[in-house]
Amino acid sequence: MMYNRFGQLAADPFPLEKFGLQERYPKLAALQREVHKLDARRIEAERDLVAQRQGVGQARQKDTEAAGKALRAGKDMPAAKHEVDANEMVREAERKLAALSDATATAAQDLTAEQRKHATALIEDLARARAEAAKRVAGQATTLLADYGLFLDAEDIGKRFAPPAPVPDENAPAQDTTLVINAPRATPAGPQRGDVESVLSHLASLGAGDG
């Protein structure tokens, strides 16, 4: 976990849930959730501060209009109540943002320390997850490779053994006919067989490479 000079998360935390490791590292998972929630609140506080600062100008305009009406009525100019209230809301928004930025930063530091503490174990867990995934991919690719070969072989053999089309009778009256032959249908155009088998062969080899 890294945190930049603007108080923003600069890197994603280790993806525990993606690899099913959140229960193996409960403290690390809890810190990740805490940082995520705090950072979301910090971002919302930033937006609120921007809105509050924009409201100061609107409040000042209200005070100006109120003062103008009072002067035209022969009264004393009232205090700038709206602007005072708006500035107070800005100060409160700034205070909230500062507190959330500090909380998020310190939580991110704790998360970084906890992640470094388990760095070696996490890398080992990643290696195991990679090896297990490689075995699953290899098994599925091996099956697909065999089935794909049977599929295309059946198509080729079906073409060779399909009965020839009957020779039309020149003396027969012309008529619309539809010839139905129970031969396998050609596969739609796609990648070359060798290209597909090359990819599947590579995937099938992963199990041996990561075993």
N, C-alpha and C. Protein backbone atom coordinates (compact mmCIF):
# COMPACT_ATOMS: atom_id res chain seq x y z
N MET A 1 0.85 -1.19 0.00
CA MET A 1 0.00 0.00 0.00
C MET A 1 0.88 1.23 0.00
N MET A 2 0.62 2.15 -0.91
CA MET A 2 1.37 3.40 -0.97
C MET A 2 0.39 4.57 -0.91
N TYR A 3 0.85 5.67 -0.38
CA TYR A 3 0.01 6.85 -0.22
C TYR A 3 0.80 8.04 -0.72
N ASN A 4 0.26 8.82 -1.67
CA ASN A 4 1.04 9.90 -2.25
C ASN A 4 0.93 11.19 -1.45
N ARG A 5 1.64 12.23 -1.91
CA ARG A 5 1.70 13.48 -1.15
C ARG A 5 0.40 14.25 -1.17
N PHE A 6 -0.55 13.83 -2.01
CA PHE A 6 -1.86 14.48 -2.04
C PHE A 6 -2.86 13.78 -1.12
N GLY A 7 -2.38 12.80 -0.37
CA GLY A 7 -3.28 12.08 0.52
C GLY A 7 -4.18 11.12 -0.21
N GLN A 8 -3.75 10.62 -1.37
CA GLN A 8 -4.54 9.70 -2.15
C GLN A 8 -3.84 8.34 -2.23
N LEU A 9 -4.64 7.28 -2.31
CA LEU A 9 -4.07 5.96 -2.44
C LEU A 9 -3.34 5.86 -3.77
N ALA A 10 -2.08 5.51 -3.73
CA ALA A 10 -1.27 5.46 -4.95
C ALA A 10 -1.12 4.05 -5.50
N ALA A 11 -1.55 3.06 -4.76
CA ALA A 11 -1.44 1.68 -5.25
C ALA A 11 -2.52 0.84 -4.58
N ASP A 12 -2.98 -0.16 -5.30
CA ASP A 12 -4.00 -1.04 -4.74
C ASP A 12 -3.37 -1.98 -3.73
N PRO A 13 -4.12 -2.37 -2.71
CA PRO A 13 -3.61 -3.34 -1.74
C PRO A 13 -3.57 -4.73 -2.35
N PHE A 14 -2.91 -5.64 -1.66
CA PHE A 14 -2.82 -7.02 -2.14
C PHE A 14 -4.23 -7.59 -2.27
N PRO A 15 -4.58 -8.18 -3.43
CA PRO A 15 -5.95 -8.68 -3.65
C PRO A 15 -6.22 -9.99 -2.92
N LEU A 16 -6.46 -9.90 -1.62
CA LEU A 16 -6.69 -11.10 -0.81
C LEU A 16 -7.90 -11.89 -1.28
N GLU A 17 -9.00 -11.19 -1.53
CA GLU A 17 -10.25 -11.89 -1.90
C GLU A 17 -10.11 -12.60 -3.24
N LYS A 18 -9.39 -12.04 -4.15
CA LYS A 18 -9.21 -12.65 -5.46
C LYS A 18 -8.62 -14.04 -5.35
N PHE A 19 -7.73 -14.22 -4.37
CA PHE A 19 -7.07 -15.51 -4.19
C PHE A 19 -7.58 -16.26 -2.96
N GLY A 20 -8.71 -15.80 -2.39
CA GLY A 20 -9.33 -16.49 -1.26
C GLY A 20 -8.46 -16.51 -0.02
N LEU A 21 -7.74 -15.42 0.25
CA LEU A 21 -6.79 -15.38 1.37
C LEU A 21 -7.24 -14.48 2.52
N GLN A 22 -8.46 -13.93 2.44
CA GLN A 22 -8.90 -12.99 3.47
C GLN A 22 -9.03 -13.64 4.84
N GLU A 23 -9.38 -14.92 4.90
CA GLU A 23 -9.48 -15.60 6.19
C GLU A 23 -8.10 -16.01 6.72
N ARG A 24 -7.18 -16.19 5.83
CA ARG A 24 -5.81 -16.56 6.24
C ARG A 24 -5.09 -15.36 6.85
N TYR A 25 -5.45 -14.16 6.41
CA TYR A 25 -4.83 -12.94 6.92
C TYR A 25 -5.94 -11.98 7.38
N PRO A 26 -6.60 -12.28 8.50
CA PRO A 26 -7.74 -11.46 8.94
C PRO A 26 -7.38 -10.02 9.28
N LYS A 27 -6.24 -9.80 9.91
CA LYS A 27 -5.85 -8.42 10.26
C LYS A 27 -5.57 -7.61 9.01
N LEU A 28 -4.89 -8.21 8.07
CA LEU A 28 -4.58 -7.53 6.82
C LEU A 28 -5.88 -7.20 6.07
N ALA A 29 -6.80 -8.15 6.05
CA ALA A 29 -8.08 -7.92 5.38
C ALA A 29 -8.86 -6.80 6.06
N ALA A 30 -8.83 -6.78 7.41
CA ALA A 30 -9.55 -5.74 8.16
C ALA A 30 -8.96 -4.36 7.87
N LEU A 31 -7.64 -4.28 7.80
CA LEU A 31 -6.98 -3.00 7.50
C LEU A 31 -7.31 -2.54 6.08
N GLN A 32 -7.38 -3.48 5.16
CA GLN A 32 -7.75 -3.12 3.79
C GLN A 32 -9.15 -2.52 3.75
N ARG A 33 -10.09 -3.14 4.45
CA ARG A 33 -11.45 -2.62 4.49
C ARG A 33 -11.49 -1.24 5.15
N GLU A 34 -10.72 -1.09 6.23
CA GLU A 34 -10.71 0.19 6.94
C GLU A 34 -10.18 1.30 6.04
N VAL A 35 -9.07 1.05 5.37
CA VAL A 35 -8.48 2.06 4.49
C VAL A 35 -9.45 2.40 3.36
N HIS A 36 -10.08 1.38 2.80
CA HIS A 36 -11.02 1.60 1.69
C HIS A 36 -12.18 2.50 2.14
N LYS A 37 -12.74 2.22 3.31
CA LYS A 37 -13.87 3.02 3.81
C LYS A 37 -13.43 4.44 4.15
N LEU A 38 -12.28 4.56 4.82
CA LEU A 38 -11.80 5.89 5.18
C LEU A 38 -11.50 6.73 3.94
N ASP A 39 -10.91 6.10 2.94
CA ASP A 39 -10.57 6.84 1.73
C ASP A 39 -11.83 7.29 1.00
N ALA A 40 -12.87 6.45 1.01
CA ALA A 40 -14.13 6.84 0.38
C ALA A 40 -14.74 8.04 1.11
N ARG A 41 -14.65 8.04 2.44
CA ARG A 41 -15.16 9.17 3.22
C ARG A 41 -14.32 10.43 2.97
N ARG A 42 -13.00 10.24 2.82
CA ARG A 42 -12.12 11.38 2.55
C ARG A 42 -12.46 12.02 1.21
N ILE A 43 -12.71 11.20 0.21
CA ILE A 43 -13.06 11.72 -1.12
C ILE A 43 -14.37 12.49 -1.05
N GLU A 44 -15.33 11.95 -0.31
CA GLU A 44 -16.61 12.64 -0.15
C GLU A 44 -16.42 13.97 0.60
N ALA A 45 -15.53 13.98 1.57
CA ALA A 45 -15.25 15.22 2.30
C ALA A 45 -14.61 16.27 1.40
N GLU A 46 -13.77 15.83 0.47
CA GLU A 46 -13.18 16.76 -0.49
C GLU A 46 -14.25 17.42 -1.34
N ARG A 47 -15.20 16.61 -1.79
CA ARG A 47 -16.28 17.15 -2.61
C ARG A 47 -17.14 18.12 -1.80
N ASP A 48 -17.38 17.78 -0.55
CA ASP A 48 -18.18 18.65 0.30
C ASP A 48 -17.49 19.98 0.52
N LEU A 49 -16.17 19.94 0.70
CA LEU A 49 -15.42 21.18 0.92
C LEU A 49 -15.50 22.08 -0.31
N VAL A 50 -15.40 21.49 -1.48
CA VAL A 50 -15.51 22.28 -2.72
C VAL A 50 -16.87 22.95 -2.79
N ALA A 51 -17.91 22.20 -2.45
CA ALA A 51 -19.26 22.76 -2.49
C ALA A 51 -19.43 23.88 -1.46
N GLN A 52 -18.86 23.70 -0.27
CA GLN A 52 -18.97 24.72 0.77
C GLN A 52 -18.24 25.99 0.38
N ARG A 53 -17.09 25.85 -0.24
CA ARG A 53 -16.35 27.03 -0.68
C ARG A 53 -17.10 27.78 -1.78
N GLN A 54 -17.75 27.03 -2.65
CA GLN A 54 -18.54 27.68 -3.69
C GLN A 54 -19.73 28.42 -3.07
N GLY A 55 -20.22 27.91 -1.95
CA GLY A 55 -21.37 28.53 -1.30
C GLY A 55 -21.06 29.86 -0.65
N VAL A 56 -19.76 30.14 -0.40
CA VAL A 56 -19.39 31.41 0.25
C VAL A 56 -19.76 32.59 -0.64
N GLY A 57 -19.50 32.47 -1.92
CA GLY A 57 -19.83 33.55 -2.84
C GLY A 57 -21.33 33.80 -2.90
N GLN A 58 -22.10 32.71 -2.91
CA GLN A 58 -23.55 32.85 -2.92
C GLN A 58 -24.05 33.51 -1.64
N ALA A 59 -23.43 33.12 -0.51
CA ALA A 59 -23.83 33.71 0.77
C ALA A 59 -23.48 35.19 0.80
N ARG A 60 -22.32 35.56 0.26
CA ARG A 60 -21.91 36.96 0.23
C ARG A 60 -22.90 37.79 -0.59
N GLN A 61 -23.37 37.19 -1.70
CA GLN A 61 -24.33 37.90 -2.53
C GLN A 61 -25.65 38.12 -1.79
N LYS A 62 -26.07 37.14 -1.01
CA LYS A 62 -27.29 37.30 -0.21
C LYS A 62 -27.13 38.43 0.80
N ASP A 63 -25.96 38.48 1.45
CA ASP A 63 -25.72 39.55 2.43
C ASP A 63 -25.70 40.91 1.75
N THR A 64 -25.11 40.97 0.55
CA THR A 64 -25.06 42.23 -0.18
C THR A 64 -26.46 42.72 -0.53
N GLU A 65 -27.30 41.78 -1.00
CA GLU A 65 -28.67 42.14 -1.35
C GLU A 65 -29.46 42.59 -0.12
N ALA A 66 -29.25 41.90 1.01
CA ALA A 66 -29.94 42.27 2.25
C ALA A 66 -29.49 43.66 2.72
N ALA A 67 -28.18 43.92 2.59
CA ALA A 67 -27.66 45.23 3.01
C ALA A 67 -28.21 46.34 2.13
N GLY A 68 -28.30 46.07 0.83
CA GLY A 68 -28.84 47.08 -0.09
C GLY A 68 -30.29 47.42 0.22
N LYS A 69 -31.09 46.41 0.53
CA LYS A 69 -32.50 46.64 0.87
C LYS A 69 -32.62 47.45 2.16
N ALA A 70 -31.75 47.14 3.14
CA ALA A 70 -31.79 47.86 4.41
C ALA A 70 -31.44 49.33 4.21
N LEU A 71 -30.42 49.59 3.41
CA LEU A 71 -29.99 50.97 3.18
C LEU A 71 -31.07 51.75 2.44
N ARG A 72 -31.72 51.11 1.51
CA ARG A 72 -32.79 51.80 0.78
C ARG A 72 -33.97 52.10 1.70
N ALA A 73 -34.12 51.27 2.72
CA ALA A 73 -35.22 51.49 3.67
C ALA A 73 -34.82 52.44 4.78
N GLY A 74 -33.62 52.99 4.70
CA GLY A 74 -33.18 53.93 5.71
C GLY A 74 -32.72 53.28 6.99
N LYS A 75 -32.35 52.02 6.91
CA LYS A 75 -31.91 51.30 8.10
C LYS A 75 -30.39 51.12 8.06
N ASP A 76 -29.83 50.68 9.19
CA ASP A 76 -28.40 50.38 9.25
C ASP A 76 -28.11 49.09 8.47
N MET A 77 -26.92 49.01 7.92
CA MET A 77 -26.54 47.82 7.17
C MET A 77 -26.36 46.65 8.14
N PRO A 78 -27.06 45.54 7.90
CA PRO A 78 -26.95 44.40 8.82
C PRO A 78 -25.60 43.69 8.68
N ALA A 79 -25.28 42.87 9.68
CA ALA A 79 -24.04 42.08 9.64
C ALA A 79 -24.12 41.02 8.54
N ALA A 80 -22.97 40.64 8.06
CA ALA A 80 -22.92 39.65 6.97
C ALA A 80 -23.17 38.25 7.54
N LYS A 81 -24.41 37.99 7.91
CA LYS A 81 -24.75 36.73 8.58
C LYS A 81 -24.55 35.51 7.68
N HIS A 82 -25.01 35.61 6.44
CA HIS A 82 -24.91 34.45 5.55
C HIS A 82 -23.45 34.07 5.26
N GLU A 83 -22.62 35.10 5.04
CA GLU A 83 -21.22 34.82 4.74
C GLU A 83 -20.50 34.26 5.96
N VAL A 84 -20.83 34.79 7.14
CA VAL A 84 -20.23 34.25 8.37
C VAL A 84 -20.57 32.79 8.54
N ASP A 85 -21.84 32.46 8.34
CA ASP A 85 -22.27 31.06 8.47
C ASP A 85 -21.59 30.18 7.43
N ALA A 86 -21.48 30.69 6.19
CA ALA A 86 -20.86 29.92 5.11
C ALA A 86 -19.38 29.67 5.40
N ASN A 87 -18.69 30.69 5.91
CA ASN A 87 -17.28 30.52 6.25
C ASN A 87 -17.09 29.52 7.39
N GLU A 88 -18.02 29.52 8.32
CA GLU A 88 -17.95 28.56 9.42
C GLU A 88 -18.14 27.13 8.89
N MET A 89 -19.03 26.98 7.92
CA MET A 89 -19.23 25.66 7.31
C MET A 89 -17.99 25.23 6.53
N VAL A 90 -17.31 26.18 5.91
CA VAL A 90 -16.06 25.87 5.20
C VAL A 90 -15.01 25.39 6.19
N ARG A 91 -14.87 26.12 7.31
CA ARG A 91 -13.87 25.72 8.32
C ARG A 91 -14.18 24.33 8.87
N GLU A 92 -15.45 24.03 9.08
CA GLU A 92 -15.83 22.71 9.58
C GLU A 92 -15.54 21.63 8.54
N ALA A 93 -15.79 21.94 7.26
CA ALA A 93 -15.49 20.99 6.19
C ALA A 93 -13.99 20.76 6.07
N GLU A 94 -13.20 21.82 6.24
CA GLU A 94 -11.74 21.69 6.18
C GLU A 94 -11.25 20.83 7.34
N ARG A 95 -11.82 21.05 8.50
CA ARG A 95 -11.43 20.27 9.68
C ARG A 95 -11.76 18.79 9.49
N LYS A 96 -12.93 18.52 8.93
CA LYS A 96 -13.33 17.13 8.69
C LYS A 96 -12.42 16.47 7.68
N LEU A 97 -12.10 17.19 6.60
CA LEU A 97 -11.22 16.64 5.58
C LEU A 97 -9.83 16.36 6.14
N ALA A 98 -9.31 17.28 6.94
CA ALA A 98 -7.98 17.09 7.53
C ALA A 98 -7.96 15.86 8.43
N ALA A 99 -9.01 15.69 9.22
CA ALA A 99 -9.07 14.54 10.12
C ALA A 99 -9.16 13.24 9.34
N LEU A 100 -9.99 13.22 8.29
CA LEU A 100 -10.13 12.00 7.49
C LEU A 100 -8.85 11.70 6.71
N SER A 101 -8.18 12.73 6.23
CA SER A 101 -6.91 12.53 5.52
C SER A 101 -5.87 11.93 6.46
N ASP A 102 -5.81 12.44 7.68
CA ASP A 102 -4.86 11.91 8.65
C ASP A 102 -5.20 10.47 9.02
N ALA A 103 -6.49 10.19 9.24
CA ALA A 103 -6.91 8.83 9.60
C ALA A 103 -6.62 7.85 8.48
N THR A 104 -6.88 8.28 7.24
CA THR A 104 -6.62 7.40 6.10
C THR A 104 -5.14 7.15 5.93
N ALA A 105 -4.34 8.19 6.10
CA ALA A 105 -2.89 8.05 5.93
C ALA A 105 -2.29 7.12 6.98
N THR A 106 -2.69 7.29 8.24
CA THR A 106 -2.14 6.43 9.29
C THR A 106 -2.62 4.98 9.13
N ALA A 107 -3.87 4.82 8.72
CA ALA A 107 -4.38 3.46 8.48
C ALA A 107 -3.64 2.82 7.31
N ALA A 108 -3.34 3.62 6.26
CA ALA A 108 -2.59 3.10 5.11
C ALA A 108 -1.18 2.70 5.52
N GLN A 109 -0.58 3.46 6.43
CA GLN A 109 0.76 3.11 6.92
C GLN A 109 0.72 1.79 7.69
N ASP A 110 -0.31 1.61 8.51
CA ASP A 110 -0.46 0.35 9.23
C ASP A 110 -0.66 -0.81 8.26
N LEU A 111 -1.43 -0.55 7.22
CA LEU A 111 -1.67 -1.59 6.22
C LEU A 111 -0.38 -1.96 5.50
N THR A 112 0.41 -0.95 5.15
CA THR A 112 1.69 -1.20 4.48
C THR A 112 2.60 -2.05 5.37
N ALA A 113 2.65 -1.70 6.64
CA ALA A 113 3.50 -2.45 7.58
C ALA A 113 3.02 -3.89 7.71
N GLU A 114 1.71 -4.08 7.80
CA GLU A 114 1.16 -5.43 7.94
C GLU A 114 1.40 -6.24 6.68
N GLN A 115 1.29 -5.59 5.54
CA GLN A 115 1.51 -6.29 4.27
C GLN A 115 2.97 -6.70 4.12
N ARG A 116 3.88 -5.82 4.52
CA ARG A 116 5.31 -6.16 4.47
C ARG A 116 5.63 -7.30 5.43
N LYS A 117 4.95 -7.32 6.55
CA LYS A 117 5.15 -8.37 7.55
C LYS A 117 4.87 -9.75 6.97
N HIS A 118 3.87 -9.82 6.09
CA HIS A 118 3.47 -11.10 5.52
C HIS A 118 3.93 -11.27 4.07
N ALA A 119 4.85 -10.42 3.63
CA ALA A 119 5.24 -10.42 2.21
C ALA A 119 5.71 -11.79 1.72
N THR A 120 6.57 -12.44 2.48
CA THR A 120 7.11 -13.73 2.06
C THR A 120 6.00 -14.77 1.96
N ALA A 121 5.15 -14.82 2.98
CA ALA A 121 4.05 -15.79 2.97
C ALA A 121 3.07 -15.51 1.84
N LEU A 122 2.82 -14.24 1.55
CA LEU A 122 1.91 -13.88 0.47
C LEU A 122 2.46 -14.33 -0.89
N ILE A 123 3.75 -14.16 -1.09
CA ILE A 123 4.37 -14.61 -2.34
C ILE A 123 4.27 -16.12 -2.47
N GLU A 124 4.45 -16.83 -1.36
CA GLU A 124 4.31 -18.30 -1.39
C GLU A 124 2.87 -18.70 -1.71
N ASP A 125 1.91 -17.98 -1.13
CA ASP A 125 0.51 -18.25 -1.43
C ASP A 125 0.20 -18.00 -2.90
N LEU A 126 0.79 -16.95 -3.45
CA LEU A 126 0.60 -16.66 -4.87
C LEU A 126 1.16 -17.78 -5.74
N ALA A 127 2.32 -18.28 -5.36
CA ALA A 127 2.94 -19.36 -6.13
C ALA A 127 2.06 -20.61 -6.12
N ARG A 128 1.49 -20.92 -4.95
CA ARG A 128 0.59 -22.08 -4.86
C ARG A 128 -0.66 -21.87 -5.69
N ALA A 129 -1.22 -20.66 -5.61
CA ALA A 129 -2.42 -20.37 -6.38
C ALA A 129 -2.15 -20.47 -7.88
N ARG A 130 -0.96 -20.00 -8.27
CA ARG A 130 -0.59 -20.06 -9.69
C ARG A 130 -0.43 -21.51 -10.15
N ALA A 131 0.20 -22.32 -9.32
CA ALA A 131 0.40 -23.72 -9.68
C ALA A 131 -0.93 -24.46 -9.78
N GLU A 132 -1.84 -24.18 -8.84
CA GLU A 132 -3.15 -24.84 -8.87
C GLU A 132 -3.95 -24.40 -10.09
N ALA A 133 -3.87 -23.11 -10.42
CA ALA A 133 -4.58 -22.61 -11.60
C ALA A 133 -4.00 -23.24 -12.86
N ALA A 134 -2.67 -23.39 -12.90
CA ALA A 134 -2.01 -23.98 -14.07
C ALA A 134 -2.48 -25.42 -14.28
N LYS A 135 -2.63 -26.16 -13.19
CA LYS A 135 -3.09 -27.55 -13.31
C LYS A 135 -4.51 -27.61 -13.84
N ARG A 136 -5.37 -26.69 -13.35
CA ARG A 136 -6.76 -26.69 -13.83
C ARG A 136 -6.81 -26.32 -15.31
N VAL A 137 -6.05 -25.30 -15.69
CA VAL A 137 -6.02 -24.88 -17.09
C VAL A 137 -5.49 -26.00 -17.97
N ALA A 138 -4.42 -26.65 -17.51
CA ALA A 138 -3.81 -27.73 -18.29
C ALA A 138 -4.80 -28.88 -18.49
N GLY A 139 -5.51 -29.24 -17.44
CA GLY A 139 -6.47 -30.33 -17.55
C GLY A 139 -7.58 -30.01 -18.53
N GLN A 140 -8.11 -28.81 -18.44
CA GLN A 140 -9.18 -28.40 -19.34
C GLN A 140 -8.67 -28.28 -20.78
N ALA A 141 -7.47 -27.74 -20.94
CA ALA A 141 -6.91 -27.59 -22.29
C ALA A 141 -6.63 -28.94 -22.92
N THR A 142 -6.17 -29.90 -22.12
CA THR A 142 -5.92 -31.24 -22.66
C THR A 142 -7.20 -31.86 -23.19
N THR A 143 -8.28 -31.72 -22.42
CA THR A 143 -9.57 -32.25 -22.87
C THR A 143 -10.05 -31.52 -24.11
N LEU A 144 -9.92 -30.20 -24.12
CA LEU A 144 -10.35 -29.42 -25.28
C LEU A 144 -9.54 -29.77 -26.53
N LEU A 145 -8.25 -30.00 -26.34
CA LEU A 145 -7.39 -30.33 -27.47
C LEU A 145 -7.84 -31.63 -28.12
N ALA A 146 -8.14 -32.63 -27.29
CA ALA A 146 -8.59 -33.92 -27.82
C ALA A 146 -9.95 -33.78 -28.49
N ASP A 147 -10.88 -33.09 -27.84
CA ASP A 147 -12.22 -32.95 -28.40
C ASP A 147 -12.20 -32.11 -29.68
N TYR A 148 -11.36 -31.09 -29.71
CA TYR A 148 -11.26 -30.25 -30.90
C TYR A 148 -10.74 -31.06 -32.08
N GLY A 149 -9.75 -31.92 -31.81
CA GLY A 149 -9.23 -32.77 -32.88
C GLY A 149 -10.29 -33.72 -33.40
N LEU A 150 -11.06 -34.35 -32.49
CA LEU A 150 -12.14 -35.24 -32.91
C LEU A 150 -13.19 -34.50 -33.72
N PHE A 151 -13.50 -33.31 -33.30
CA PHE A 151 -14.52 -32.51 -33.99
C PHE A 151 -14.12 -32.24 -35.44
N LEU A 152 -12.88 -31.78 -35.65
CA LEU A 152 -12.44 -31.46 -37.01
C LEU A 152 -12.19 -32.72 -37.83
N ASP A 153 -11.69 -33.79 -37.20
CA ASP A 153 -11.48 -35.05 -37.92
C ASP A 153 -12.82 -35.60 -38.41
N ALA A 154 -13.84 -35.52 -37.55
CA ALA A 154 -15.16 -36.01 -37.95
C ALA A 154 -15.69 -35.22 -39.14
N GLU A 155 -15.42 -33.95 -39.17
CA GLU A 155 -15.87 -33.12 -40.29
C GLU A 155 -15.16 -33.53 -41.57
N ASP A 156 -13.84 -33.72 -41.50
CA ASP A 156 -13.07 -34.10 -42.69
C ASP A 156 -13.50 -35.48 -43.20
N ILE A 157 -13.65 -36.43 -42.29
CA ILE A 157 -14.05 -37.79 -42.69
C ILE A 157 -15.46 -37.77 -43.27
N GLY A 158 -16.35 -36.94 -42.67
CA GLY A 158 -17.71 -36.84 -43.19
C GLY A 158 -17.74 -36.35 -44.61
N LYS A 159 -16.82 -35.43 -44.96
CA LYS A 159 -16.78 -34.92 -46.33
C LYS A 159 -16.33 -36.01 -47.30
N ARG A 160 -15.38 -36.84 -46.86
CA ARG A 160 -14.86 -37.88 -47.76
C ARG A 160 -15.87 -38.99 -47.99
N PHE A 161 -16.65 -39.30 -46.98
CA PHE A 161 -17.57 -40.42 -47.09
C PHE A 161 -19.00 -40.01 -47.45
N ALA A 162 -19.23 -38.74 -47.65
CA ALA A 162 -20.58 -38.30 -48.03
C ALA A 162 -20.93 -38.86 -49.40
N PRO A 163 -22.16 -39.35 -49.61
CA PRO A 163 -22.55 -39.91 -50.92
C PRO A 163 -22.52 -38.82 -51.98
N PRO A 164 -22.14 -39.19 -53.23
CA PRO A 164 -22.10 -38.19 -54.29
C PRO A 164 -23.50 -37.71 -54.64
N ALA A 165 -23.56 -36.51 -55.13
CA ALA A 165 -24.85 -35.97 -55.56
C ALA A 165 -25.32 -36.73 -56.79
N PRO A 166 -26.62 -37.05 -56.87
CA PRO A 166 -27.13 -37.80 -58.05
C PRO A 166 -27.02 -36.98 -59.32
N VAL A 167 -26.77 -37.69 -60.44
CA VAL A 167 -26.68 -37.02 -61.75
C VAL A 167 -28.08 -36.65 -62.21
N PRO A 168 -28.32 -35.40 -62.52
CA PRO A 168 -29.66 -35.00 -62.94
C PRO A 168 -30.08 -35.66 -64.26
N ASP A 169 -31.36 -36.02 -64.36
CA ASP A 169 -31.93 -36.64 -65.57
C ASP A 169 -32.31 -35.52 -66.53
N GLU A 170 -31.63 -35.52 -67.69
CA GLU A 170 -31.89 -34.45 -68.65
C GLU A 170 -33.29 -34.50 -69.21
N ASN A 171 -33.93 -35.70 -69.19
CA ASN A 171 -35.27 -35.83 -69.76
C ASN A 171 -36.39 -35.53 -68.76
N ALA A 172 -35.98 -35.40 -67.47
CA ALA A 172 -37.00 -35.15 -66.45
C ALA A 172 -37.45 -33.70 -66.53
N PRO A 173 -38.76 -33.47 -66.26
CA PRO A 173 -39.25 -32.08 -66.29
C PRO A 173 -38.56 -31.23 -65.22
N ALA A 174 -38.34 -30.00 -65.56
CA ALA A 174 -37.67 -29.10 -64.63
C ALA A 174 -38.54 -28.86 -63.40
N GLN A 175 -37.95 -28.92 -62.26
CA GLN A 175 -38.67 -28.67 -61.02
C GLN A 175 -37.69 -28.26 -59.93
N ASP A 176 -38.26 -27.55 -58.95
CA ASP A 176 -37.42 -27.14 -57.82
C ASP A 176 -37.23 -28.31 -56.88
N THR A 177 -36.00 -28.67 -56.64
CA THR A 177 -35.71 -29.79 -55.74
C THR A 177 -34.71 -29.35 -54.70
N THR A 178 -34.82 -29.94 -53.55
CA THR A 178 -33.87 -29.68 -52.47
C THR A 178 -33.24 -31.00 -52.09
N LEU A 179 -31.92 -31.09 -52.22
CA LEU A 179 -31.19 -32.31 -51.93
C LEU A 179 -30.72 -32.27 -50.48
N VAL A 180 -31.11 -33.23 -49.69
CA VAL A 180 -30.72 -33.31 -48.30
C VAL A 180 -29.76 -34.47 -48.13
N ILE A 181 -28.56 -34.17 -47.67
CA ILE A 181 -27.55 -35.20 -47.43
C ILE A 181 -27.19 -35.14 -45.96
N ASN A 182 -27.25 -36.26 -45.29
CA ASN A 182 -26.96 -36.31 -43.86
C ASN A 182 -25.46 -36.34 -43.61
N ALA A 183 -24.77 -35.37 -44.14
CA ALA A 183 -23.33 -35.26 -43.92
C ALA A 183 -23.09 -34.14 -42.91
N PRO A 184 -22.00 -34.23 -42.14
CA PRO A 184 -21.72 -33.17 -41.16
C PRO A 184 -21.60 -31.82 -41.84
N ARG A 185 -22.15 -30.80 -41.19
CA ARG A 185 -22.07 -29.46 -41.74
C ARG A 185 -20.68 -28.87 -41.51
N ALA A 186 -20.25 -28.07 -42.46
CA ALA A 186 -18.94 -27.43 -42.34
C ALA A 186 -18.95 -26.43 -41.18
N THR A 187 -17.83 -26.32 -40.53
CA THR A 187 -17.74 -25.37 -39.42
C THR A 187 -17.61 -23.96 -39.98
N PRO A 188 -18.10 -22.97 -39.26
CA PRO A 188 -17.94 -21.57 -39.71
C PRO A 188 -16.47 -21.21 -39.84
N ALA A 189 -16.20 -20.21 -40.67
CA ALA A 189 -14.82 -19.76 -40.84
C ALA A 189 -14.27 -19.27 -39.51
N GLY A 190 -13.03 -19.57 -39.24
CA GLY A 190 -12.42 -19.17 -37.97
C GLY A 190 -10.92 -19.33 -38.06
N PRO A 191 -10.24 -19.38 -36.92
CA PRO A 191 -8.78 -19.53 -36.94
C PRO A 191 -8.37 -20.88 -37.50
N GLN A 192 -7.16 -20.94 -38.02
CA GLN A 192 -6.64 -22.18 -38.57
C GLN A 192 -6.48 -23.23 -37.48
N ARG A 193 -6.66 -24.48 -37.87
CA ARG A 193 -6.58 -25.58 -36.90
C ARG A 193 -5.24 -25.58 -36.18
N GLY A 194 -4.19 -25.39 -36.92
CA GLY A 194 -2.86 -25.40 -36.30
C GLY A 194 -2.69 -24.32 -35.26
N ASP A 195 -3.27 -23.14 -35.50
CA ASP A 195 -3.17 -22.05 -34.54
C ASP A 195 -3.89 -22.39 -33.25
N VAL A 196 -5.11 -22.95 -33.39
CA VAL A 196 -5.89 -23.32 -32.21
C VAL A 196 -5.18 -24.41 -31.42
N GLU A 197 -4.70 -25.42 -32.12
CA GLU A 197 -4.04 -26.53 -31.44
C GLU A 197 -2.73 -26.08 -30.79
N SER A 198 -2.07 -25.10 -31.38
CA SER A 198 -0.84 -24.58 -30.78
C SER A 198 -1.13 -23.90 -29.45
N VAL A 199 -2.19 -23.09 -29.40
CA VAL A 199 -2.56 -22.43 -28.16
C VAL A 199 -2.98 -23.44 -27.11
N LEU A 200 -3.82 -24.39 -27.50
CA LEU A 200 -4.28 -25.41 -26.55
C LEU A 200 -3.12 -26.26 -26.05
N SER A 201 -2.18 -26.57 -26.93
CA SER A 201 -1.01 -27.35 -26.51
C SER A 201 -0.18 -26.58 -25.49
N HIS A 202 -0.05 -25.28 -25.72
CA HIS A 202 0.69 -24.46 -24.75
C HIS A 202 -0.01 -24.46 -23.40
N LEU A 203 -1.33 -24.27 -23.40
CA LEU A 203 -2.08 -24.28 -22.13
C LEU A 203 -2.00 -25.65 -21.45
N ALA A 204 -2.02 -26.69 -22.26
CA ALA A 204 -1.95 -28.04 -21.68
C ALA A 204 -0.59 -28.30 -21.04
N SER A 205 0.42 -27.57 -21.46
CA SER A 205 1.76 -27.78 -20.92
C SER A 205 1.98 -27.02 -19.60
N LEU A 206 1.05 -26.14 -19.24
CA LEU A 206 1.26 -25.34 -18.04
C LEU A 206 1.34 -26.18 -16.77
N GLY A 207 0.55 -27.22 -16.73
CA GLY A 207 0.55 -28.08 -15.53
C GLY A 207 1.91 -28.68 -15.27
N ALA A 208 2.59 -29.10 -16.33
CA ALA A 208 3.92 -29.69 -16.15
C ALA A 208 4.93 -28.62 -15.75
N GLY A 209 4.75 -27.39 -16.33
CA GLY A 209 5.70 -26.32 -16.04
C GLY A 209 5.61 -25.80 -14.64
N ASP A 210 4.39 -25.86 -14.02
CA ASP A 210 4.21 -25.31 -12.68
C ASP A 210 3.98 -26.40 -11.66
N GLY A 211 4.14 -27.62 -12.04
CA GLY A 211 3.94 -28.70 -11.08
C GLY A 211 5.09 -28.78 -10.18
